[in-house]
Amino acid sequence: MQHISYDNALVIKSIGLMMIITLLFSLIGIISNLIQFINTHMNEFAIHMLCGSQMKLIIARILWQVLILIFIADIIVLIIHKWSIVTLLTVLFSLLVTLAIILYPAIKLSKTPMSDMIRRSE
């Protein structure tokens, strides 16, 4: 009996490790995609700021892009698991992941000087 529970624990640990690796690859992919988006649209952001937009509104625009992805994933979890403590924890964790995803692009965008934003031509 102990051998079976040891095997089950080993399977659970290996599945958990694969899930963590998948999550890390996904986070890196989404963050690099956002960085690419920011670099591509830097001139547009500079024009918005020159016309009176604030940096927090531009960051909010990028945040909405991430929130749409997370919201769709949370809806799928809600459909599969209905309302439960697991669903609540998943939604809370997804909000934490959203903050982790948006942190580096927001810092990069807010630290870029206006002159660099205007000069970029990519």
PDB file of N, CA and C in Angstrom:
ATOM      1  N   MET A   1       0.817  -1.194   0.000  1.00  0.00           N
ATOM      2  CA  MET A   1       0.000   0.000   0.000  1.00  0.00           C
ATOM      3  C   MET A   1       0.861   1.259   0.000  1.00  0.00           C
ATOM      4  N   GLN A   2       1.964   1.220   0.749  1.00  0.00           N
ATOM      5  CA  GLN A   2       2.853   2.374   0.793  1.00  0.00           C
ATOM      6  C   GLN A   2       3.520   2.584  -0.561  1.00  0.00           C
ATOM      7  N   HIS A   3       3.792   1.489  -1.268  1.00  0.00           N
ATOM      8  CA  HIS A   3       4.416   1.583  -2.581  1.00  0.00           C
ATOM      9  C   HIS A   3       3.490   2.302  -3.573  1.00  0.00           C
ATOM     10  N   ILE A   4       2.187   2.031  -3.490  1.00  0.00           N
ATOM     11  CA  ILE A   4       1.214   2.680  -4.381  1.00  0.00           C
ATOM     12  C   ILE A   4       1.129   4.166  -4.071  1.00  0.00           C
ATOM     13  N   SER A   5       1.075   4.525  -2.796  1.00  0.00           N
ATOM     14  CA  SER A   5       0.981   5.938  -2.441  1.00  0.00           C
ATOM     15  C   SER A   5       2.274   6.675  -2.808  1.00  0.00           C
ATOM     16  N   TYR A   6       3.408   5.996  -2.712  1.00  0.00           N
ATOM     17  CA  TYR A   6       4.678   6.604  -3.125  1.00  0.00           C
ATOM     18  C   TYR A   6       4.676   6.849  -4.632  1.00  0.00           C
ATOM     19  N   ASP A   7       4.165   5.889  -5.405  1.00  0.00           N
ATOM     20  CA  ASP A   7       4.073   6.057  -6.860  1.00  0.00           C
ATOM     21  C   ASP A   7       3.131   7.200  -7.221  1.00  0.00           C
ATOM     22  N   ASN A   8       1.994   7.295  -6.515  1.00  0.00           N
ATOM     23  CA  ASN A   8       1.053   8.385  -6.766  1.00  0.00           C
ATOM     24  C   ASN A   8       1.683   9.733  -6.445  1.00  0.00           C
ATOM     25  N   ALA A   9       2.414   9.809  -5.357  1.00  0.00           N
ATOM     26  CA  ALA A   9       3.081  11.058  -4.993  1.00  0.00           C
ATOM     27  C   ALA A   9       4.124  11.435  -6.039  1.00  0.00           C
ATOM     28  N   LEU A  10       4.832  10.459  -6.556  1.00  0.00           N
ATOM     29  CA  LEU A  10       5.832  10.713  -7.592  1.00  0.00           C
ATOM     30  C   LEU A  10       5.179  11.215  -8.880  1.00  0.00           C
ATOM     31  N   VAL A  11       4.049  10.623  -9.247  1.00  0.00           N
ATOM     32  CA  VAL A  11       3.320  11.063 -10.443  1.00  0.00           C
ATOM     33  C   VAL A  11       2.812  12.490 -10.249  1.00  0.00           C
ATOM     34  N   ILE A  12       2.281  12.797  -9.088  1.00  0.00           N
ATOM     35  CA  ILE A  12       1.767  14.139  -8.811  1.00  0.00           C
ATOM     36  C   ILE A  12       2.897  15.157  -8.861  1.00  0.00           C
ATOM     37  N   LYS A  13       4.051  14.816  -8.315  1.00  0.00           N
ATOM     38  CA  LYS A  13       5.190  15.733  -8.342  1.00  0.00           C
ATOM     39  C   LYS A  13       5.683  15.959  -9.767  1.00  0.00           C
ATOM     40  N   SER A  14       5.731  14.903 -10.561  1.00  0.00           N
ATOM     41  CA  SER A  14       6.208  15.063 -11.940  1.00  0.00           C
ATOM     42  C   SER A  14       5.216  15.873 -12.775  1.00  0.00           C
ATOM     43  N   ILE A  15       3.929  15.674 -12.581  1.00  0.00           N
ATOM     44  CA  ILE A  15       2.923  16.467 -13.295  1.00  0.00           C
ATOM     45  C   ILE A  15       3.004  17.924 -12.853  1.00  0.00           C
ATOM     46  N   GLY A  16       3.185  18.160 -11.553  1.00  0.00           N
ATOM     47  CA  GLY A  16       3.338  19.525 -11.044  1.00  0.00           C
ATOM     48  C   GLY A  16       4.555  20.217 -11.632  1.00  0.00           C
ATOM     49  N   LEU A  17       5.659  19.482 -11.763  1.00  0.00           N
ATOM     50  CA  LEU A  17       6.863  20.048 -12.355  1.00  0.00           C
ATOM     51  C   LEU A  17       6.631  20.414 -13.823  1.00  0.00           C
ATOM     52  N   MET A  18       5.948  19.546 -14.556  1.00  0.00           N
ATOM     53  CA  MET A  18       5.646  19.854 -15.954  1.00  0.00           C
ATOM     54  C   MET A  18       4.726  21.065 -16.065  1.00  0.00           C
ATOM     55  N   MET A  19       3.780  21.210 -15.141  1.00  0.00           N
ATOM     56  CA  MET A  19       2.884  22.359 -15.156  1.00  0.00           C
ATOM     57  C   MET A  19       3.647  23.655 -14.868  1.00  0.00           C
ATOM     58  N   ILE A  20       4.581  23.610 -13.942  1.00  0.00           N
ATOM     59  CA  ILE A  20       5.379  24.789 -13.620  1.00  0.00           C
ATOM     60  C   ILE A  20       6.251  25.181 -14.814  1.00  0.00           C
ATOM     61  N   ILE A  21       6.862  24.210 -15.462  1.00  0.00           N
ATOM     62  CA  ILE A  21       7.689  24.494 -16.637  1.00  0.00           C
ATOM     63  C   ILE A  21       6.829  25.089 -17.755  1.00  0.00           C
ATOM     64  N   THR A  22       5.639  24.537 -17.966  1.00  0.00           N
ATOM     65  CA  THR A  22       4.736  25.069 -18.986  1.00  0.00           C
ATOM     66  C   THR A  22       4.320  26.498 -18.653  1.00  0.00           C
ATOM     67  N   LEU A  23       4.023  26.760 -17.389  1.00  0.00           N
ATOM     68  CA  LEU A  23       3.645  28.104 -16.963  1.00  0.00           C
ATOM     69  C   LEU A  23       4.791  29.093 -17.187  1.00  0.00           C
ATOM     70  N   LEU A  24       6.008  28.692 -16.856  1.00  0.00           N
ATOM     71  CA  LEU A  24       7.156  29.582 -17.059  1.00  0.00           C
ATOM     72  C   LEU A  24       7.376  29.883 -18.541  1.00  0.00           C
ATOM     73  N   PHE A  25       7.297  28.861 -19.401  1.00  0.00           N
ATOM     74  CA  PHE A  25       7.426  29.096 -20.840  1.00  0.00           C
ATOM     75  C   PHE A  25       6.324  30.019 -21.347  1.00  0.00           C
ATOM     76  N   SER A  26       5.111  29.834 -20.855  1.00  0.00           N
ATOM     77  CA  SER A  26       4.004  30.690 -21.266  1.00  0.00           C
ATOM     78  C   SER A  26       4.220  32.127 -20.823  1.00  0.00           C
ATOM     79  N   LEU A  27       4.665  32.304 -19.576  1.00  0.00           N
ATOM     80  CA  LEU A  27       4.925  33.655 -19.067  1.00  0.00           C
ATOM     81  C   LEU A  27       6.012  34.348 -19.874  1.00  0.00           C
ATOM     82  N   ILE A  28       7.079  33.630 -20.152  1.00  0.00           N
ATOM     83  CA  ILE A  28       8.173  34.216 -20.939  1.00  0.00           C
ATOM     84  C   ILE A  28       7.683  34.565 -22.337  1.00  0.00           C
ATOM     85  N   GLY A  29       6.876  33.709 -22.935  1.00  0.00           N
ATOM     86  CA  GLY A  29       6.346  33.978 -24.266  1.00  0.00           C
ATOM     87  C   GLY A  29       5.434  35.193 -24.291  1.00  0.00           C
ATOM     88  N   ILE A  30       4.545  35.305 -23.319  1.00  0.00           N
ATOM     89  CA  ILE A  30       3.629  36.443 -23.284  1.00  0.00           C
ATOM     90  C   ILE A  30       4.390  37.739 -23.020  1.00  0.00           C
ATOM     91  N   ILE A  31       5.347  37.711 -22.093  1.00  0.00           N
ATOM     92  CA  ILE A  31       6.122  38.912 -21.791  1.00  0.00           C
ATOM     93  C   ILE A  31       6.939  39.341 -23.006  1.00  0.00           C
ATOM     94  N   SER A  32       7.578  38.402 -23.682  1.00  0.00           N
ATOM     95  CA  SER A  32       8.363  38.778 -24.861  1.00  0.00           C
ATOM     96  C   SER A  32       7.467  39.285 -25.982  1.00  0.00           C
ATOM     97  N   ASN A  33       6.265  38.743 -26.106  1.00  0.00           N
ATOM     98  CA  ASN A  33       5.316  39.234 -27.094  1.00  0.00           C
ATOM     99  C   ASN A  33       4.883  40.661 -26.763  1.00  0.00           C
ATOM    100  N   LEU A  34       4.661  40.962 -25.486  1.00  0.00           N
ATOM    101  CA  LEU A  34       4.307  42.321 -25.094  1.00  0.00           C
ATOM    102  C   LEU A  34       5.453  43.298 -25.338  1.00  0.00           C
ATOM    103  N   ILE A  35       6.679  42.856 -25.078  1.00  0.00           N
ATOM    104  CA  ILE A  35       7.839  43.709 -25.349  1.00  0.00           C
ATOM    105  C   ILE A  35       7.931  43.996 -26.848  1.00  0.00           C
ATOM    106  N   GLN A  36       7.700  42.982 -27.667  1.00  0.00           N
ATOM    107  CA  GLN A  36       7.694  43.175 -29.120  1.00  0.00           C
ATOM    108  C   GLN A  36       6.595  44.151 -29.531  1.00  0.00           C
ATOM    109  N   PHE A  37       5.419  44.027 -28.930  1.00  0.00           N
ATOM    110  CA  PHE A  37       4.307  44.928 -29.222  1.00  0.00           C
ATOM    111  C   PHE A  37       4.670  46.361 -28.843  1.00  0.00           C
ATOM    112  N   ILE A  38       5.281  46.535 -27.682  1.00  0.00           N
ATOM    113  CA  ILE A  38       5.671  47.878 -27.238  1.00  0.00           C
ATOM    114  C   ILE A  38       6.711  48.464 -28.177  1.00  0.00           C
ATOM    115  N   ASN A  39       7.710  47.682 -28.547  1.00  0.00           N
ATOM    116  CA  ASN A  39       8.743  48.183 -29.454  1.00  0.00           C
ATOM    117  C   ASN A  39       8.162  48.539 -30.825  1.00  0.00           C
ATOM    118  N   THR A  40       7.216  47.755 -31.297  1.00  0.00           N
ATOM    119  CA  THR A  40       6.616  48.013 -32.600  1.00  0.00           C
ATOM    120  C   THR A  40       5.754  49.276 -32.586  1.00  0.00           C
ATOM    121  N   HIS A  41       5.050  49.507 -31.495  1.00  0.00           N
ATOM    122  CA  HIS A  41       4.112  50.623 -31.413  1.00  0.00           C
ATOM    123  C   HIS A  41       4.649  51.798 -30.597  1.00  0.00           C
ATOM    124  N   MET A  42       5.947  51.891 -30.427  1.00  0.00           N
ATOM    125  CA  MET A  42       6.522  52.961 -29.609  1.00  0.00           C
ATOM    126  C   MET A  42       6.210  54.343 -30.180  1.00  0.00           C
ATOM    127  N   ASN A  43       6.281  54.498 -31.513  1.00  0.00           N
ATOM    128  CA  ASN A  43       5.962  55.799 -32.117  1.00  0.00           C
ATOM    129  C   ASN A  43       4.511  56.185 -31.857  1.00  0.00           C
ATOM    130  N   GLU A  44       3.625  55.218 -31.942  1.00  0.00           N
ATOM    131  CA  GLU A  44       2.205  55.481 -31.680  1.00  0.00           C
ATOM    132  C   GLU A  44       1.998  55.932 -30.234  1.00  0.00           C
ATOM    133  N   PHE A  45       2.680  55.269 -29.300  1.00  0.00           N
ATOM    134  CA  PHE A  45       2.567  55.668 -27.896  1.00  0.00           C
ATOM    135  C   PHE A  45       3.103  57.079 -27.685  1.00  0.00           C
ATOM    136  N   ALA A  46       4.199  57.421 -28.373  1.00  0.00           N
ATOM    137  CA  ALA A  46       4.768  58.760 -28.241  1.00  0.00           C
ATOM    138  C   ALA A  46       3.800  59.807 -28.773  1.00  0.00           C
ATOM    139  N   ILE A  47       3.132  59.520 -29.884  1.00  0.00           N
ATOM    140  CA  ILE A  47       2.159  60.471 -30.436  1.00  0.00           C
ATOM    141  C   ILE A  47       0.988  60.643 -29.474  1.00  0.00           C
ATOM    142  N   HIS A  48       0.536  59.570 -28.893  1.00  0.00           N
ATOM    143  CA  HIS A  48      -0.544  59.655 -27.902  1.00  0.00           C
ATOM    144  C   HIS A  48      -0.124  60.524 -26.722  1.00  0.00           C
ATOM    145  N   MET A  49       1.110  60.349 -26.279  1.00  0.00           N
ATOM    146  CA  MET A  49       1.580  61.143 -25.140  1.00  0.00           C
ATOM    147  C   MET A  49       1.756  62.616 -25.528  1.00  0.00           C
ATOM    148  N   LEU A  50       2.206  62.866 -26.745  1.00  0.00           N
ATOM    149  CA  LEU A  50       2.336  64.249 -27.200  1.00  0.00           C
ATOM    150  C   LEU A  50       0.973  64.933 -27.329  1.00  0.00           C
ATOM    151  N   CYS A  51      -0.063  64.142 -27.594  1.00  0.00           N
ATOM    152  CA  CYS A  51      -1.410  64.688 -27.704  1.00  0.00           C
ATOM    153  C   CYS A  51      -2.118  64.784 -26.358  1.00  0.00           C
ATOM    154  N   GLY A  52      -1.431  64.438 -25.288  1.00  0.00           N
ATOM    155  CA  GLY A  52      -2.000  64.637 -23.956  1.00  0.00           C
ATOM    156  C   GLY A  52      -2.335  63.386 -23.181  1.00  0.00           C
ATOM    157  N   SER A  53      -2.070  62.232 -23.719  1.00  0.00           N
ATOM    158  CA  SER A  53      -2.359  60.998 -22.992  1.00  0.00           C
ATOM    159  C   SER A  53      -1.357  60.822 -21.848  1.00  0.00           C
ATOM    160  N   GLN A  54      -1.772  60.114 -20.846  1.00  0.00           N
ATOM    161  CA  GLN A  54      -0.891  59.827 -19.723  1.00  0.00           C
ATOM    162  C   GLN A  54      -0.323  58.423 -19.872  1.00  0.00           C
ATOM    163  N   MET A  55       0.826  58.204 -19.238  1.00  0.00           N
ATOM    164  CA  MET A  55       1.484  56.898 -19.313  1.00  0.00           C
ATOM    165  C   MET A  55       0.595  55.806 -18.728  1.00  0.00           C
ATOM    166  N   LYS A  56      -0.157  56.123 -17.679  1.00  0.00           N
ATOM    167  CA  LYS A  56      -0.997  55.092 -17.063  1.00  0.00           C
ATOM    168  C   LYS A  56      -2.098  54.620 -18.012  1.00  0.00           C
ATOM    169  N   LEU A  57      -2.556  55.485 -18.928  1.00  0.00           N
ATOM    170  CA  LEU A  57      -3.560  55.058 -19.901  1.00  0.00           C
ATOM    171  C   LEU A  57      -2.966  54.133 -20.950  1.00  0.00           C
ATOM    172  N   ILE A  58      -1.723  54.382 -21.329  1.00  0.00           N
ATOM    173  CA  ILE A  58      -1.056  53.501 -22.288  1.00  0.00           C
ATOM    174  C   ILE A  58      -0.779  52.147 -21.643  1.00  0.00           C
ATOM    175  N   ILE A  59      -0.349  52.160 -20.390  1.00  0.00           N
ATOM    176  CA  ILE A  59      -0.118  50.905 -19.669  1.00  0.00           C
ATOM    177  C   ILE A  59      -1.444  50.160 -19.474  1.00  0.00           C
ATOM    178  N   ALA A  60      -2.529  50.911 -19.241  1.00  0.00           N
ATOM    179  CA  ALA A  60      -3.845  50.280 -19.103  1.00  0.00           C
ATOM    180  C   ALA A  60      -4.263  49.605 -20.407  1.00  0.00           C
ATOM    181  N   ARG A  61      -3.909  50.200 -21.535  1.00  0.00           N
ATOM    182  CA  ARG A  61      -4.207  49.583 -22.831  1.00  0.00           C
ATOM    183  C   ARG A  61      -3.515  48.233 -22.967  1.00  0.00           C
ATOM    184  N   ILE A  62      -2.272  48.174 -22.547  1.00  0.00           N
ATOM    185  CA  ILE A  62      -1.524  46.916 -22.607  1.00  0.00           C
ATOM    186  C   ILE A  62      -2.079  45.924 -21.582  1.00  0.00           C
ATOM    187  N   LEU A  63      -2.458  46.434 -20.412  1.00  0.00           N
ATOM    188  CA  LEU A  63      -3.041  45.574 -19.380  1.00  0.00           C
ATOM    189  C   LEU A  63      -4.332  44.928 -19.872  1.00  0.00           C
ATOM    190  N   TRP A  64      -5.139  45.666 -20.609  1.00  0.00           N
ATOM    191  CA  TRP A  64      -6.385  45.098 -21.130  1.00  0.00           C
ATOM    192  C   TRP A  64      -6.121  43.953 -22.092  1.00  0.00           C
ATOM    193  N   GLN A  65      -5.038  44.048 -22.850  1.00  0.00           N
ATOM    194  CA  GLN A  65      -4.704  42.949 -23.759  1.00  0.00           C
ATOM    195  C   GLN A  65      -4.423  41.670 -22.982  1.00  0.00           C
ATOM    196  N   VAL A  66      -3.715  41.807 -21.882  1.00  0.00           N
ATOM    197  CA  VAL A  66      -3.398  40.634 -21.054  1.00  0.00           C
ATOM    198  C   VAL A  66      -4.651  40.149 -20.323  1.00  0.00           C
ATOM    199  N   LEU A  67      -5.452  41.082 -19.820  1.00  0.00           N
ATOM    200  CA  LEU A  67      -6.655  40.694 -19.085  1.00  0.00           C
ATOM    201  C   LEU A  67      -7.649  39.934 -19.958  1.00  0.00           C
ATOM    202  N   ILE A  68      -7.706  40.257 -21.226  1.00  0.00           N
ATOM    203  CA  ILE A  68      -8.614  39.524 -22.122  1.00  0.00           C
ATOM    204  C   ILE A  68      -8.187  38.055 -22.217  1.00  0.00           C
ATOM    205  N   LEU A  69      -6.878  37.825 -22.361  1.00  0.00           N
ATOM    206  CA  LEU A  69      -6.385  36.442 -22.412  1.00  0.00           C
ATOM    207  C   LEU A  69      -6.686  35.696 -21.111  1.00  0.00           C
ATOM    208  N   ILE A  70      -6.411  36.341 -19.997  1.00  0.00           N
ATOM    209  CA  ILE A  70      -6.622  35.711 -18.691  1.00  0.00           C
ATOM    210  C   ILE A  70      -8.117  35.483 -18.451  1.00  0.00           C
ATOM    211  N   PHE A  71      -8.943  36.436 -18.856  1.00  0.00           N
ATOM    212  CA  PHE A  71     -10.384  36.313 -18.669  1.00  0.00           C
ATOM    213  C   PHE A  71     -10.943  35.119 -19.434  1.00  0.00           C
ATOM    214  N   ILE A  72     -10.483  34.930 -20.658  1.00  0.00           N
ATOM    215  CA  ILE A  72     -10.943  33.781 -21.454  1.00  0.00           C
ATOM    216  C   ILE A  72     -10.533  32.470 -20.772  1.00  0.00           C
ATOM    217  N   ALA A  73      -9.308  32.419 -20.266  1.00  0.00           N
ATOM    218  CA  ALA A  73      -8.860  31.207 -19.567  1.00  0.00           C
ATOM    219  C   ALA A  73      -9.675  30.973 -18.297  1.00  0.00           C
ATOM    220  N   ASP A  74      -9.990  32.054 -17.571  1.00  0.00           N
ATOM    221  CA  ASP A  74     -10.793  31.900 -16.350  1.00  0.00           C
ATOM    222  C   ASP A  74     -12.216  31.453 -16.657  1.00  0.00           C
ATOM    223  N   ILE A  75     -12.771  31.901 -17.765  1.00  0.00           N
ATOM    224  CA  ILE A  75     -14.112  31.459 -18.157  1.00  0.00           C
ATOM    225  C   ILE A  75     -14.112  29.957 -18.425  1.00  0.00           C
ATOM    226  N   ILE A  76     -13.059  29.483 -19.085  1.00  0.00           N
ATOM    227  CA  ILE A  76     -12.966  28.045 -19.375  1.00  0.00           C
ATOM    228  C   ILE A  76     -12.879  27.249 -18.073  1.00  0.00           C
ATOM    229  N   VAL A  77     -12.083  27.738 -17.128  1.00  0.00           N
ATOM    230  CA  VAL A  77     -11.994  27.066 -15.823  1.00  0.00           C
ATOM    231  C   VAL A  77     -13.339  27.087 -15.123  1.00  0.00           C
ATOM    232  N   LEU A  78     -14.043  28.200 -15.210  1.00  0.00           N
ATOM    233  CA  LEU A  78     -15.354  28.314 -14.573  1.00  0.00           C
ATOM    234  C   LEU A  78     -16.366  27.355 -15.202  1.00  0.00           C
ATOM    235  N   ILE A  79     -16.293  27.180 -16.502  1.00  0.00           N
ATOM    236  CA  ILE A  79     -17.213  26.258 -17.178  1.00  0.00           C
ATOM    237  C   ILE A  79     -16.919  24.818 -16.762  1.00  0.00           C
ATOM    238  N   ILE A  80     -15.656  24.476 -16.640  1.00  0.00           N
ATOM    239  CA  ILE A  80     -15.288  23.098 -16.312  1.00  0.00           C
ATOM    240  C   ILE A  80     -15.562  22.775 -14.850  1.00  0.00           C
ATOM    241  N   HIS A  81     -15.152  23.670 -13.939  1.00  0.00           N
ATOM    242  CA  HIS A  81     -15.205  23.348 -12.503  1.00  0.00           C
ATOM    243  C   HIS A  81     -16.371  23.988 -11.753  1.00  0.00           C
ATOM    244  N   LYS A  82     -17.191  24.802 -12.429  1.00  0.00           N
ATOM    245  CA  LYS A  82     -18.280  25.554 -11.788  1.00  0.00           C
ATOM    246  C   LYS A  82     -17.690  26.417 -10.661  1.00  0.00           C
ATOM    247  N   TRP A  83     -18.507  26.855  -9.718  1.00  0.00           N
ATOM    248  CA  TRP A  83     -17.994  27.668  -8.610  1.00  0.00           C
ATOM    249  C   TRP A  83     -17.533  26.758  -7.485  1.00  0.00           C
ATOM    250  N   SER A  84     -16.274  26.870  -7.154  1.00  0.00           N
ATOM    251  CA  SER A  84     -15.720  26.104  -6.042  1.00  0.00           C
ATOM    252  C   SER A  84     -14.505  26.858  -5.510  1.00  0.00           C
ATOM    253  N   ILE A  85     -13.908  26.332  -4.497  1.00  0.00           N
ATOM    254  CA  ILE A  85     -12.714  26.950  -3.930  1.00  0.00           C
ATOM    255  C   ILE A  85     -11.553  26.864  -4.920  1.00  0.00           C
ATOM    256  N   VAL A  86     -11.528  25.791  -5.717  1.00  0.00           N
ATOM    257  CA  VAL A  86     -10.488  25.645  -6.736  1.00  0.00           C
ATOM    258  C   VAL A  86     -10.626  26.739  -7.792  1.00  0.00           C
ATOM    259  N   THR A  87     -11.857  27.032  -8.186  1.00  0.00           N
ATOM    260  CA  THR A  87     -12.090  28.086  -9.167  1.00  0.00           C
ATOM    261  C   THR A  87     -11.668  29.442  -8.616  1.00  0.00           C
ATOM    262  N   LEU A  88     -12.020  29.706  -7.381  1.00  0.00           N
ATOM    263  CA  LEU A  88     -11.642  30.974  -6.757  1.00  0.00           C
ATOM    264  C   LEU A  88     -10.125  31.115  -6.672  1.00  0.00           C
ATOM    265  N   LEU A  89      -9.455  30.061  -6.259  1.00  0.00           N
ATOM    266  CA  LEU A  89      -7.995  30.103  -6.179  1.00  0.00           C
ATOM    267  C   LEU A  89      -7.366  30.264  -7.560  1.00  0.00           C
ATOM    268  N   THR A  90      -7.952  29.634  -8.566  1.00  0.00           N
ATOM    269  CA  THR A  90      -7.436  29.767  -9.925  1.00  0.00           C
ATOM    270  C   THR A  90      -7.574  31.191 -10.430  1.00  0.00           C
ATOM    271  N   VAL A  91      -8.711  31.809 -10.173  1.00  0.00           N
ATOM    272  CA  VAL A  91      -8.917  33.193 -10.600  1.00  0.00           C
ATOM    273  C   VAL A  91      -7.966  34.133  -9.857  1.00  0.00           C
ATOM    274  N   LEU A  92      -7.791  33.934  -8.579  1.00  0.00           N
ATOM    275  CA  LEU A  92      -6.852  34.767  -7.817  1.00  0.00           C
ATOM    276  C   LEU A  92      -5.417  34.584  -8.302  1.00  0.00           C
ATOM    277  N   PHE A  93      -5.040  33.343  -8.586  1.00  0.00           N
ATOM    278  CA  PHE A  93      -3.699  33.088  -9.102  1.00  0.00           C
ATOM    279  C   PHE A  93      -3.519  33.703 -10.483  1.00  0.00           C
ATOM    280  N   SER A  94      -4.567  33.661 -11.298  1.00  0.00           N
ATOM    281  CA  SER A  94      -4.461  34.254 -12.632  1.00  0.00           C
ATOM    282  C   SER A  94      -4.310  35.773 -12.551  1.00  0.00           C
ATOM    283  N   LEU A  95      -4.937  36.407 -11.572  1.00  0.00           N
ATOM    284  CA  LEU A  95      -4.739  37.842 -11.381  1.00  0.00           C
ATOM    285  C   LEU A  95      -3.306  38.144 -10.947  1.00  0.00           C
ATOM    286  N   LEU A  96      -2.752  37.290 -10.112  1.00  0.00           N
ATOM    287  CA  LEU A  96      -1.353  37.438  -9.705  1.00  0.00           C
ATOM    288  C   LEU A  96      -0.420  37.254 -10.904  1.00  0.00           C
ATOM    289  N   VAL A  97      -0.724  36.286 -11.750  1.00  0.00           N
ATOM    290  CA  VAL A  97       0.069  36.066 -12.957  1.00  0.00           C
ATOM    291  C   VAL A  97      -0.046  37.268 -13.895  1.00  0.00           C
ATOM    292  N   THR A  98      -1.232  37.857 -13.984  1.00  0.00           N
ATOM    293  CA  THR A  98      -1.420  39.051 -14.806  1.00  0.00           C
ATOM    294  C   THR A  98      -0.528  40.184 -14.334  1.00  0.00           C
ATOM    295  N   LEU A  99      -0.464  40.385 -13.038  1.00  0.00           N
ATOM    296  CA  LEU A  99       0.421  41.426 -12.500  1.00  0.00           C
ATOM    297  C   LEU A  99       1.885  41.118 -12.795  1.00  0.00           C
ATOM    298  N   ALA A 100       2.245  39.858 -12.721  1.00  0.00           N
ATOM    299  CA  ALA A 100       3.629  39.473 -13.021  1.00  0.00           C
ATOM    300  C   ALA A 100       3.947  39.690 -14.497  1.00  0.00           C
ATOM    301  N   ILE A 101       2.973  39.421 -15.354  1.00  0.00           N
ATOM    302  CA  ILE A 101       3.187  39.581 -16.794  1.00  0.00           C
ATOM    303  C   ILE A 101       3.332  41.055 -17.155  1.00  0.00           C
ATOM    304  N   ILE A 102       2.517  41.907 -16.588  1.00  0.00           N
ATOM    305  CA  ILE A 102       2.485  43.309 -16.991  1.00  0.00           C
ATOM    306  C   ILE A 102       3.587  44.131 -16.328  1.00  0.00           C
ATOM    307  N   LEU A 103       4.214  43.608 -15.307  1.00  0.00           N
ATOM    308  CA  LEU A 103       5.186  44.380 -14.539  1.00  0.00           C
ATOM    309  C   LEU A 103       6.370  44.844 -15.386  1.00  0.00           C
ATOM    310  N   TYR A 104       7.059  43.940 -16.052  1.00  0.00           N
ATOM    311  CA  TYR A 104       8.247  44.331 -16.813  1.00  0.00           C
ATOM    312  C   TYR A 104       7.913  45.239 -18.002  1.00  0.00           C
ATOM    313  N   PRO A 105       6.892  44.916 -18.824  1.00  0.00           N
ATOM    314  CA  PRO A 105       6.563  45.842 -19.907  1.00  0.00           C
ATOM    315  C   PRO A 105       6.162  47.235 -19.412  1.00  0.00           C
ATOM    316  N   ALA A 106       5.454  47.312 -18.294  1.00  0.00           N
ATOM    317  CA  ALA A 106       5.056  48.619 -17.760  1.00  0.00           C
ATOM    318  C   ALA A 106       6.268  49.410 -17.300  1.00  0.00           C
ATOM    319  N   ILE A 107       7.203  48.750 -16.635  1.00  0.00           N
ATOM    320  CA  ILE A 107       8.419  49.435 -16.193  1.00  0.00           C
ATOM    321  C   ILE A 107       9.236  49.881 -17.400  1.00  0.00           C
ATOM    322  N   LYS A 108       9.348  49.014 -18.395  1.00  0.00           N
ATOM    323  CA  LYS A 108      10.108  49.356 -19.609  1.00  0.00           C
ATOM    324  C   LYS A 108       9.499  50.555 -20.305  1.00  0.00           C
ATOM    325  N   LEU A 109       8.197  50.576 -20.424  1.00  0.00           N
ATOM    326  CA  LEU A 109       7.518  51.664 -21.103  1.00  0.00           C
ATOM    327  C   LEU A 109       7.616  52.970 -20.315  1.00  0.00           C
ATOM    328  N   SER A 110       7.476  52.902 -19.015  1.00  0.00           N
ATOM    329  CA  SER A 110       7.516  54.129 -18.222  1.00  0.00           C
ATOM    330  C   SER A 110       8.933  54.687 -18.080  1.00  0.00           C
ATOM    331  N   LYS A 111       9.949  53.849 -18.208  1.00  0.00           N
ATOM    332  CA  LYS A 111      11.332  54.314 -18.091  1.00  0.00           C
ATOM    333  C   LYS A 111      11.909  54.827 -19.409  1.00  0.00           C
ATOM    334  N   THR A 112      11.219  54.588 -20.524  1.00  0.00           N
ATOM    335  CA  THR A 112      11.714  55.025 -21.823  1.00  0.00           C
ATOM    336  C   THR A 112      11.458  56.528 -21.976  1.00  0.00           C
ATOM    337  N   PRO A 113      12.502  57.312 -22.228  1.00  0.00           N
ATOM    338  CA  PRO A 113      12.295  58.758 -22.386  1.00  0.00           C
ATOM    339  C   PRO A 113      11.512  59.074 -23.667  1.00  0.00           C
ATOM    340  N   MET A 114      10.843  60.216 -23.641  1.00  0.00           N
ATOM    341  CA  MET A 114      10.019  60.620 -24.777  1.00  0.00           C
ATOM    342  C   MET A 114      10.856  60.756 -26.057  1.00  0.00           C
ATOM    343  N   SER A 115      12.083  61.261 -25.935  1.00  0.00           N
ATOM    344  CA  SER A 115      12.932  61.429 -27.123  1.00  0.00           C
ATOM    345  C   SER A 115      13.254  60.093 -27.775  1.00  0.00           C
ATOM    346  N   ASP A 116      13.460  59.055 -26.958  1.00  0.00           N
ATOM    347  CA  ASP A 116      13.696  57.716 -27.516  1.00  0.00           C
ATOM    348  C   ASP A 116      12.444  57.147 -28.163  1.00  0.00           C
ATOM    349  N   MET A 117      11.289  57.461 -27.601  1.00  0.00           N
ATOM    350  CA  MET A 117      10.041  56.972 -28.184  1.00  0.00           C
ATOM    351  C   MET A 117       9.829  57.551 -29.574  1.00  0.00           C
ATOM    352  N   ILE A 118      10.120  58.831 -29.721  1.00  0.00           N
ATOM    353  CA  ILE A 118       9.874  59.491 -30.999  1.00  0.00           C
ATOM    354  C   ILE A 118      10.909  59.060 -32.045  1.00  0.00           C
ATOM    355  N   ARG A 119      12.152  58.885 -31.630  1.00  0.00           N
ATOM    356  CA  ARG A 119      13.224  58.545 -32.570  1.00  0.00           C
ATOM    357  C   ARG A 119      13.135  57.142 -33.117  1.00  0.00           C
ATOM    358  N   ARG A 120      12.508  56.248 -32.413  1.00  0.00           N
ATOM    359  CA  ARG A 120      12.477  54.849 -32.853  1.00  0.00           C
ATOM    360  C   ARG A 120      11.741  54.706 -34.163  1.00  0.00           C
ATOM    361  N   SER A 121      12.347  53.976 -35.059  1.00  0.00           N
ATOM    362  CA  SER A 121      11.665  53.673 -36.331  1.00  0.00           C
ATOM    363  C   SER A 121      11.918  52.215 -36.668  1.00  0.00           C
ATOM    364  N   GLU A 122      11.101  51.356 -36.120  1.00  0.00           N
ATOM    365  CA  GLU A 122      11.253  49.917 -36.332  1.00  0.00           C
ATOM    366  C   GLU A 122      10.117  49.409 -37.175  1.00  0.00           C
TER     367      GLU A 122
END
